Amino acid sequence: MNPADTAFIIICAAMVMLMTPALALFYGGLVRSRNILSTCMHSYASLGLITVLWALFGYSLAFSGDVSGIIGNLDKIFLQGVGAAADGPVDNLPHTVFMAFQCMFAVLTVALISGAYAERIRFSAMLLFSALWMIFAYCPMAHWVWGGGWMAQLGAVDFAGGAVVHMASAAAALACAHAVGPRLNLGRVPMTPNNLPMTLFGGGLLWFGWFGFNAGSALAANGLAGHALVTTHLATAGGILGWMILEWKRTGKPTTLGVVSGALAGLVAITPAAGFVGLMPALFIGFAGGMICYGGVLLKNRLGYDDALDVVGIHGIGGTWGAFATGLFATAAVNGVDGLFYGNPALLWAQVVSIVGTWVFVYIVSRIILCVVNALVGLRVSPDAETNGLDISEHHERGYSL
């Protein structure tokens, strides 16, 4: 056990935990004022619900043993044997610290999905869907990539969650958008964000927390963690510029929402690559990610689905680009594995297989779960409840009393 590594990952776990309340601010500022609290509630409820489920059996399913490359076993159910000793998946950290760090990833991933169904889902449906989705989608994905499952055996790499967090949440978000349907009067009445300064503040906190998200995925206080921090920052800066350039050219004016969206696009794009690519490739990945995600957000209007807060356009498209770019730019000089541009096309093939596998598996599982939830409690609030706002209809409170 390494005390410095332990202290570092404890701090990183706290930073990743902060990302979920930061997401509440980010999402909450983007919806209409009558839905700000219900939107924030989705993130805070995820913190409670997913943490409990992770402790009961989620961690065991993701990281305890391996059953045919598909799922973990139940040896660590109820956190049996998870203590202060360094006897977990990594031998430099207390088992409890590794478990807690991974718990924060699970919480954030579930909270990310909520951007797709904001302003129209029943709170009971959100809770039931989130619980089932963590068990049947997130735990298998975490096991496949980080727990020794088939994607890891294939040779695919994902430093901090391009597939496990971003593509998985986006595939679920797309399924939710299709199953729940568009908001009432979409395209006919203004749906202006109620508080963009709040969104900007939330975005800044996400950027801060992302250093724990990516650098912490080195699982040690070492040079790789420092490298991941720098690639993360460079890519985020590049994402701002990429998004801003396209928006400025297309609309004639750059916007603060565009800048924070570009930063998020850069963060998402570098997540799978942060510990595998060099510094200048990281800058390019973020810059291209800003442009690609800007196009991805516009695409939803052409395809006709209502992903209210652009989970698919940013997390899905950005995560896909980042995973693909890892297969291009990864270099053994950083972390022992080369990509296509360094003479190893096999990595790019593994990345493509993992991308397709993630999207197909998570979308199908999510649609099945949504059908079950709809049959049990109903997915969507009534038209009157949606018109009055979910803050009142679902939680009997108001965000603003002015």
Protein backbone atom coordinates (compact mmCIF):
# COMPACT_ATOMS: atom_id res chain seq x y z
CA MET A 1 0.00 0.00 0.00
CA ASN A 2 1.27 3.43 -0.95
CA PRO A 3 0.24 6.34 1.34
CA ALA A 4 0.79 8.98 -1.35
CA ASP A 5 -1.30 7.06 -3.87
CA THR A 6 -4.00 6.54 -1.25
CA ALA A 7 -4.20 10.23 -0.39
CA PHE A 8 -4.26 11.19 -4.07
CA ILE A 9 -7.11 8.84 -4.97
CA ILE A 10 -9.13 9.90 -1.91
CA ILE A 11 -8.90 13.48 -3.18
CA CYS A 12 -9.74 12.40 -6.74
CA ALA A 13 -12.78 10.44 -5.49
CA ALA A 14 -14.01 13.58 -3.72
CA MET A 15 -13.49 15.60 -6.91
CA VAL A 16 -15.46 13.09 -8.97
CA MET A 17 -18.23 13.12 -6.36
CA LEU A 18 -18.41 16.91 -6.77
CA MET A 19 -19.05 16.43 -10.49
CA THR A 20 -22.59 15.15 -9.83
CA PRO A 21 -23.76 18.27 -7.91
CA ALA A 22 -21.89 20.27 -10.58
CA LEU A 23 -23.95 18.45 -13.22
CA ALA A 24 -27.08 19.43 -11.29
CA LEU A 25 -26.05 23.09 -11.70
CA PHE A 26 -25.12 22.59 -15.34
CA TYR A 27 -28.36 20.86 -16.26
CA GLY A 28 -30.51 22.90 -13.89
CA GLY A 29 -29.57 26.17 -15.53
CA LEU A 30 -30.45 24.87 -19.00
CA VAL A 31 -34.08 23.92 -18.39
CA ARG A 32 -37.06 26.24 -17.96
CA SER A 33 -37.54 27.77 -14.53
CA ARG A 34 -40.50 25.57 -13.66
CA ASN A 35 -38.30 22.46 -13.94
CA ILE A 36 -35.03 23.57 -12.35
CA LEU A 37 -35.47 21.68 -9.06
CA SER A 38 -36.74 18.47 -10.64
CA THR A 39 -33.72 18.49 -12.95
CA CYS A 40 -31.31 19.03 -10.05
CA MET A 41 -33.17 16.33 -8.13
CA HIS A 42 -32.21 13.74 -10.75
CA SER A 43 -28.52 14.23 -9.97
CA TYR A 44 -28.92 14.29 -6.19
CA ALA A 45 -31.18 11.24 -6.23
CA SER A 46 -28.52 9.42 -8.26
CA LEU A 47 -25.96 10.19 -5.56
CA GLY A 48 -28.10 8.42 -2.99
CA LEU A 49 -29.63 5.58 -4.99
CA ILE A 50 -26.60 4.47 -6.99
CA THR A 51 -24.24 4.66 -4.01
CA VAL A 52 -26.47 2.29 -2.03
CA LEU A 53 -26.88 -0.13 -4.94
CA TRP A 54 -23.14 -0.01 -5.62
CA ALA A 55 -22.42 -1.01 -2.03
CA LEU A 56 -25.03 -3.78 -2.01
CA PHE A 57 -24.04 -5.59 -5.19
CA GLY A 58 -23.00 -3.23 -8.00
CA TYR A 59 -19.33 -3.20 -7.07
CA SER A 60 -19.24 -6.98 -6.86
CA LEU A 61 -20.87 -7.39 -10.28
CA ALA A 62 -18.36 -5.01 -11.87
CA PHE A 63 -15.07 -5.84 -10.14
CA SER A 64 -15.27 -9.21 -8.34
CA GLY A 65 -13.90 -12.08 -10.41
CA ASP A 66 -15.06 -12.85 -13.94
CA VAL A 67 -17.84 -15.01 -15.34
CA SER A 68 -17.11 -15.83 -19.00
CA GLY A 69 -15.92 -12.27 -19.69
CA ILE A 70 -19.50 -11.01 -19.22
CA ILE A 71 -19.96 -10.05 -15.57
CA GLY A 72 -18.33 -10.29 -12.17
CA ASN A 73 -19.42 -12.68 -9.47
CA LEU A 74 -21.06 -12.00 -6.12
CA ASP A 75 -18.03 -12.58 -3.90
CA LYS A 76 -18.06 -8.93 -2.79
CA ILE A 77 -21.81 -8.61 -2.33
CA PHE A 78 -22.67 -6.21 0.53
CA LEU A 79 -18.97 -5.21 0.33
CA GLN A 80 -17.86 -8.43 2.00
CA GLY A 81 -14.08 -8.48 2.20
CA VAL A 82 -13.76 -4.84 1.10
CA GLY A 83 -11.65 -3.29 3.83
CA ALA A 84 -8.57 -1.20 4.49
CA ALA A 85 -6.13 -3.79 3.16
CA ALA A 86 -4.65 -3.44 -0.31
CA ASP A 87 -6.27 -6.66 -1.54
CA GLY A 88 -8.50 -5.21 -4.27
CA PRO A 89 -7.95 -4.95 -8.02
CA VAL A 90 -4.90 -2.70 -7.44
CA ASP A 91 -2.27 -3.44 -4.83
CA ASN A 92 -1.21 0.13 -4.00
CA LEU A 93 -4.58 1.29 -2.61
CA PRO A 94 -6.89 0.23 0.20
CA HIS A 95 -9.72 -1.79 -1.27
CA THR A 96 -12.23 0.68 0.18
CA VAL A 97 -10.61 3.61 -1.63
CA PHE A 98 -10.69 1.87 -5.02
CA MET A 99 -14.32 0.88 -4.45
CA ALA A 100 -15.33 4.43 -3.51
CA PHE A 101 -13.51 5.94 -6.50
CA GLN A 102 -15.36 3.61 -8.86
CA CYS A 103 -18.64 4.34 -7.07
CA MET A 104 -18.40 8.02 -8.05
CA PHE A 105 -18.10 7.03 -11.71
CA ALA A 106 -21.26 4.94 -11.50
CA VAL A 107 -23.18 7.78 -9.85
CA LEU A 108 -22.13 10.35 -12.44
CA THR A 109 -22.91 8.07 -15.38
CA VAL A 110 -26.50 7.54 -14.26
CA ALA A 111 -26.93 11.27 -13.57
CA LEU A 112 -25.69 12.13 -17.08
CA ILE A 113 -28.58 10.23 -18.67
CA SER A 114 -31.10 12.56 -17.02
CA GLY A 115 -30.31 15.32 -19.50
CA ALA A 116 -32.21 13.41 -22.19
CA TYR A 117 -35.53 13.08 -20.37
CA ALA A 118 -35.47 16.36 -18.44
CA GLU A 119 -38.76 18.26 -18.03
CA ARG A 120 -41.11 15.34 -18.69
CA ILE A 121 -40.32 12.09 -16.82
CA ARG A 122 -42.02 10.83 -13.67
CA PHE A 123 -39.66 10.86 -10.71
CA SER A 124 -40.68 7.32 -9.79
CA ALA A 125 -39.84 6.21 -13.33
CA MET A 126 -36.48 7.94 -13.14
CA LEU A 127 -35.60 6.09 -9.93
CA LEU A 128 -36.68 2.68 -11.20
CA PHE A 129 -34.97 3.12 -14.55
CA SER A 130 -31.75 4.30 -12.89
CA ALA A 131 -31.64 1.33 -10.53
CA LEU A 132 -32.26 -1.26 -13.24
CA TRP A 133 -29.91 0.46 -15.67
CA MET A 134 -27.02 0.44 -13.24
CA ILE A 135 -27.46 -3.30 -12.65
CA PHE A 136 -28.05 -4.46 -16.22
CA ALA A 137 -26.07 -1.89 -18.25
CA TYR A 138 -23.45 -0.07 -16.20
CA CYS A 139 -22.11 -3.02 -14.21
CA PRO A 140 -21.54 -5.18 -17.31
CA MET A 141 -19.89 -2.26 -19.14
CA ALA A 142 -17.57 -1.50 -16.21
CA HIS A 143 -16.67 -5.17 -16.01
CA TRP A 144 -16.07 -5.51 -19.75
CA VAL A 145 -13.64 -2.59 -19.84
CA TRP A 146 -12.08 -2.29 -16.37
CA GLY A 147 -12.94 -5.57 -14.63
CA GLY A 148 -11.24 -7.99 -16.99
CA GLY A 149 -14.22 -8.63 -19.29
CA TRP A 150 -14.30 -9.30 -23.01
CA MET A 151 -13.49 -5.77 -24.19
CA ALA A 152 -10.33 -5.72 -22.08
CA GLN A 153 -9.48 -9.23 -23.30
CA LEU A 154 -9.93 -8.00 -26.89
CA GLY A 155 -7.35 -5.29 -26.25
CA ALA A 156 -9.63 -2.24 -26.20
CA VAL A 157 -8.49 0.57 -23.90
CA ASP A 158 -10.52 3.22 -22.10
CA PHE A 159 -8.48 5.30 -19.68
CA ALA A 160 -11.28 7.02 -17.77
CA GLY A 161 -14.65 6.17 -19.28
CA GLY A 162 -15.19 6.99 -22.94
CA ALA A 163 -17.22 3.80 -23.33
CA VAL A 164 -18.19 3.02 -19.73
CA VAL A 165 -19.38 6.54 -18.88
CA HIS A 166 -19.96 8.67 -21.96
CA MET A 167 -21.02 6.34 -24.76
CA ALA A 168 -23.03 4.22 -22.33
CA SER A 169 -24.90 7.21 -20.88
CA ALA A 170 -25.50 8.59 -24.37
CA ALA A 171 -26.86 5.30 -25.74
CA ALA A 172 -29.22 5.19 -22.76
CA ALA A 173 -30.11 8.85 -23.34
CA LEU A 174 -31.00 8.12 -26.97
CA ALA A 175 -33.19 5.22 -25.86
CA CYS A 176 -34.89 7.50 -23.31
CA ALA A 177 -35.50 10.24 -25.88
CA HIS A 178 -37.11 7.70 -28.21
CA ALA A 179 -39.19 6.03 -25.49
CA VAL A 180 -40.34 9.09 -23.56
CA GLY A 181 -40.96 11.27 -26.61
CA PRO A 182 -40.45 15.01 -27.16
CA ARG A 183 -41.47 17.76 -24.79
CA LEU A 184 -44.86 19.37 -25.34
CA ASN A 185 -44.83 22.12 -27.98
CA LEU A 186 -41.20 21.49 -28.86
CA GLY A 187 -40.27 23.87 -31.66
CA ARG A 188 -43.46 25.91 -31.23
CA VAL A 189 -42.78 27.73 -27.96
CA PRO A 190 -39.46 29.10 -26.63
CA MET A 191 -37.56 26.74 -24.31
CA THR A 192 -34.97 29.25 -23.14
CA PRO A 193 -32.50 28.26 -20.38
CA ASN A 194 -33.57 29.81 -17.09
CA ASN A 195 -30.10 30.56 -15.67
CA LEU A 196 -27.04 30.45 -17.92
CA PRO A 197 -24.65 31.80 -15.22
CA MET A 198 -25.64 28.75 -13.15
CA THR A 199 -24.80 26.50 -16.11
CA LEU A 200 -21.44 28.22 -16.56
CA PHE A 201 -20.63 27.75 -12.88
CA GLY A 202 -21.62 24.09 -13.08
CA GLY A 203 -19.46 23.67 -16.17
CA GLY A 204 -16.47 25.16 -14.39
CA LEU A 205 -16.93 22.76 -11.48
CA LEU A 206 -17.17 19.87 -13.95
CA TRP A 207 -13.86 20.95 -15.50
CA PHE A 208 -12.29 21.01 -12.04
CA GLY A 209 -13.72 17.64 -11.06
CA TRP A 210 -12.63 16.14 -14.37
CA PHE A 211 -9.00 16.41 -13.29
CA GLY A 212 -9.84 13.91 -10.55
CA PHE A 213 -11.83 11.87 -13.06
CA ASN A 214 -8.98 11.55 -15.59
CA ALA A 215 -5.80 12.00 -13.56
CA GLY A 216 -7.20 9.77 -10.83
CA SER A 217 -7.69 6.99 -13.37
CA ALA A 218 -3.94 6.44 -13.26
CA LEU A 219 -4.76 5.00 -9.79
CA ALA A 220 -1.47 6.35 -8.46
CA ALA A 221 0.21 9.67 -7.73
CA ASN A 222 2.71 9.31 -10.56
CA GLY A 223 3.84 10.73 -13.88
CA LEU A 224 0.93 9.17 -15.76
CA ALA A 225 -1.53 11.02 -13.52
CA GLY A 226 0.27 14.29 -14.24
CA HIS A 227 0.25 13.51 -17.95
CA ALA A 228 -3.50 12.83 -17.87
CA LEU A 229 -4.11 16.14 -16.09
CA VAL A 230 -2.24 18.05 -18.81
CA THR A 231 -3.88 16.23 -21.73
CA THR A 232 -7.26 16.89 -20.10
CA HIS A 233 -6.64 20.61 -19.82
CA LEU A 234 -5.24 20.97 -23.33
CA ALA A 235 -8.13 19.07 -24.88
CA THR A 236 -10.68 21.14 -22.98
CA ALA A 237 -9.13 24.39 -24.18
CA GLY A 238 -9.09 23.01 -27.71
CA GLY A 239 -12.74 22.03 -27.42
CA ILE A 240 -13.70 25.59 -26.50
CA LEU A 241 -11.97 26.98 -29.58
CA GLY A 242 -13.29 24.30 -31.94
CA TRP A 243 -16.92 24.81 -30.88
CA MET A 244 -16.60 28.62 -30.79
CA ILE A 245 -15.13 28.83 -34.30
CA LEU A 246 -17.95 26.81 -35.85
CA GLU A 247 -20.68 28.59 -33.89
CA TRP A 248 -19.25 32.01 -34.75
CA LYS A 249 -19.08 31.11 -38.43
CA ARG A 250 -22.56 29.58 -38.51
CA THR A 251 -24.53 32.11 -36.41
CA GLY A 252 -22.37 35.22 -36.54
CA LYS A 253 -21.86 35.37 -32.77
CA PRO A 254 -20.08 33.21 -30.18
CA THR A 255 -22.10 32.42 -27.04
CA THR A 256 -21.31 31.54 -23.45
CA LEU A 257 -23.42 28.39 -23.80
CA GLY A 258 -21.31 27.48 -26.81
CA VAL A 259 -18.08 28.02 -24.88
CA VAL A 260 -19.11 25.83 -21.93
CA SER A 261 -20.48 23.20 -24.31
CA GLY A 262 -17.18 23.20 -26.20
CA ALA A 263 -15.28 22.75 -22.95
CA LEU A 264 -17.50 19.77 -22.08
CA ALA A 265 -16.98 18.33 -25.57
CA GLY A 266 -13.21 18.54 -25.13
CA LEU A 267 -13.40 16.91 -21.72
CA VAL A 268 -15.51 14.05 -23.03
CA ALA A 269 -13.33 13.50 -26.10
CA ILE A 270 -10.08 13.20 -24.15
CA THR A 271 -11.49 10.97 -21.40
CA PRO A 272 -10.70 7.60 -23.05
CA ALA A 273 -7.38 8.88 -24.40
CA ALA A 274 -6.01 10.97 -21.52
CA GLY A 275 -3.46 8.40 -20.38
CA PHE A 276 -2.56 7.00 -23.79
CA VAL A 277 -1.85 9.92 -26.17
CA GLY A 278 0.76 12.67 -26.34
CA LEU A 279 0.18 16.32 -25.56
CA MET A 280 -0.27 17.71 -29.07
CA PRO A 281 -2.56 14.86 -30.14
CA ALA A 282 -4.62 15.61 -27.02
CA LEU A 283 -4.99 19.23 -28.10
CA PHE A 284 -6.12 18.10 -31.55
CA ILE A 285 -8.55 15.54 -30.11
CA GLY A 286 -10.19 18.26 -28.02
CA PHE A 287 -10.26 20.81 -30.87
CA ALA A 288 -11.80 18.32 -33.29
CA GLY A 289 -14.13 17.13 -30.54
CA GLY A 290 -15.53 20.64 -30.11
CA MET A 291 -16.32 20.83 -33.81
CA ILE A 292 -17.68 17.29 -34.09
CA CYS A 293 -19.93 17.68 -31.04
CA TYR A 294 -21.27 20.99 -32.35
CA GLY A 295 -22.39 19.10 -35.42
CA GLY A 296 -23.71 16.28 -33.26
CA VAL A 297 -25.97 18.67 -31.36
CA LEU A 298 -27.40 20.03 -34.62
CA LEU A 299 -28.00 16.49 -35.85
CA LYS A 300 -30.80 15.82 -33.37
CA ASN A 301 -33.05 18.30 -35.16
CA ARG A 302 -32.61 16.42 -38.43
CA LEU A 303 -33.17 13.02 -36.81
CA GLY A 304 -36.20 14.20 -34.83
CA TYR A 305 -35.47 13.06 -31.27
CA ASP A 306 -35.68 15.33 -28.23
CA ASP A 307 -32.47 14.90 -26.28
CA ALA A 308 -33.28 17.91 -24.12
CA LEU A 309 -29.78 18.71 -22.82
CA ASP A 310 -27.67 17.15 -25.59
CA VAL A 311 -26.34 14.05 -23.89
CA VAL A 312 -26.09 12.23 -27.22
CA GLY A 313 -24.58 15.14 -29.13
CA ILE A 314 -21.83 15.81 -26.59
CA HIS A 315 -21.25 12.68 -24.53
CA GLY A 316 -22.15 10.19 -27.23
CA ILE A 317 -20.49 11.79 -30.22
CA GLY A 318 -17.56 13.09 -28.15
CA GLY A 319 -16.99 9.76 -26.41
CA THR A 320 -17.13 7.90 -29.72
CA TRP A 321 -14.63 10.27 -31.31
CA GLY A 322 -12.34 10.02 -28.29
CA ALA A 323 -12.36 6.22 -28.29
CA PHE A 324 -11.67 6.14 -32.03
CA ALA A 325 -8.92 8.75 -31.72
CA THR A 326 -7.30 6.66 -28.99
CA GLY A 327 -6.91 3.91 -31.56
CA LEU A 328 -5.17 6.40 -33.84
CA PHE A 329 -2.94 8.40 -31.51
CA ALA A 330 -2.09 6.09 -28.60
CA THR A 331 1.66 5.74 -28.12
CA ALA A 332 3.64 3.27 -26.06
CA ALA A 333 5.85 6.16 -24.95
CA VAL A 334 2.99 7.31 -22.73
CA ASN A 335 1.40 4.10 -21.48
CA GLY A 336 2.74 1.02 -23.22
CA VAL A 337 0.32 0.69 -26.13
CA ASP A 338 0.59 1.98 -29.70
CA GLY A 339 -2.24 2.97 -32.02
CA LEU A 340 -2.54 3.02 -35.80
CA PHE A 341 -0.24 5.99 -36.32
CA TYR A 342 2.47 4.22 -34.35
CA GLY A 343 2.26 0.95 -36.26
CA ASN A 344 -0.49 -0.97 -34.44
CA PRO A 345 -3.77 -1.16 -36.41
CA ALA A 346 -5.02 -3.89 -34.05
CA LEU A 347 -5.76 -1.29 -31.38
CA LEU A 348 -7.94 0.72 -33.75
CA TRP A 349 -9.89 -2.43 -34.62
CA ALA A 350 -10.40 -3.22 -30.93
CA GLN A 351 -11.60 0.33 -30.34
CA VAL A 352 -14.11 0.16 -33.18
CA VAL A 353 -15.48 -3.15 -31.89
CA SER A 354 -15.82 -1.69 -28.39
CA ILE A 355 -17.60 1.40 -29.77
CA VAL A 356 -20.14 -0.64 -31.72
CA GLY A 357 -20.57 -3.10 -28.85
CA THR A 358 -21.23 -0.32 -26.36
CA TRP A 359 -23.83 1.51 -28.45
CA VAL A 360 -25.72 -1.61 -29.48
CA PHE A 361 -25.70 -3.33 -26.09
CA VAL A 362 -26.61 -0.29 -23.98
CA TYR A 363 -29.30 0.99 -26.35
CA ILE A 364 -31.06 -2.38 -26.52
CA VAL A 365 -30.85 -3.01 -22.77
CA SER A 366 -32.07 0.53 -22.08
CA ARG A 367 -35.11 0.15 -24.33
CA ILE A 368 -36.03 -3.11 -22.61
CA ILE A 369 -35.71 -1.48 -19.18
CA LEU A 370 -37.80 1.49 -20.33
CA CYS A 371 -40.56 -0.86 -21.51
CA VAL A 372 -40.59 -2.54 -18.11
CA VAL A 373 -40.63 0.79 -16.26
CA ASN A 374 -43.43 2.13 -18.45
CA ALA A 375 -45.52 -0.96 -17.76
CA LEU A 376 -44.96 -0.69 -14.00
CA VAL A 377 -45.20 3.03 -13.20
CA GLY A 378 -45.49 4.93 -16.50
CA LEU A 379 -42.64 6.94 -17.95
CA ARG A 380 -44.16 10.33 -18.52
CA VAL A 381 -46.06 12.87 -16.46
CA SER A 382 -49.48 14.04 -17.64
CA PRO A 383 -49.71 16.97 -20.08
CA ASP A 384 -51.11 19.19 -17.30
CA ALA A 385 -48.25 18.26 -14.98
CA GLU A 386 -45.72 18.99 -17.71
CA THR A 387 -47.33 22.34 -18.44
CA ASN A 388 -47.35 23.32 -14.76
CA GLY A 389 -43.77 22.15 -14.35
CA LEU A 390 -42.25 19.13 -12.64
CA ASP A 391 -41.07 21.18 -9.66
CA ILE A 392 -44.69 21.57 -8.53
CA SER A 393 -46.23 18.42 -9.95
CA GLU A 394 -43.53 15.97 -8.83
CA HIS A 395 -41.94 17.67 -5.80
CA HIS A 396 -44.39 20.35 -4.61
CA GLU A 397 -41.82 23.15 -4.51
CA ARG A 398 -40.56 26.04 -6.61
CA GLY A 399 -37.03 26.96 -7.57
CA TYR A 400 -37.69 30.70 -7.58
CA SER A 401 -40.08 32.72 -5.39
CA LEU A 402 -39.70 36.25 -6.73
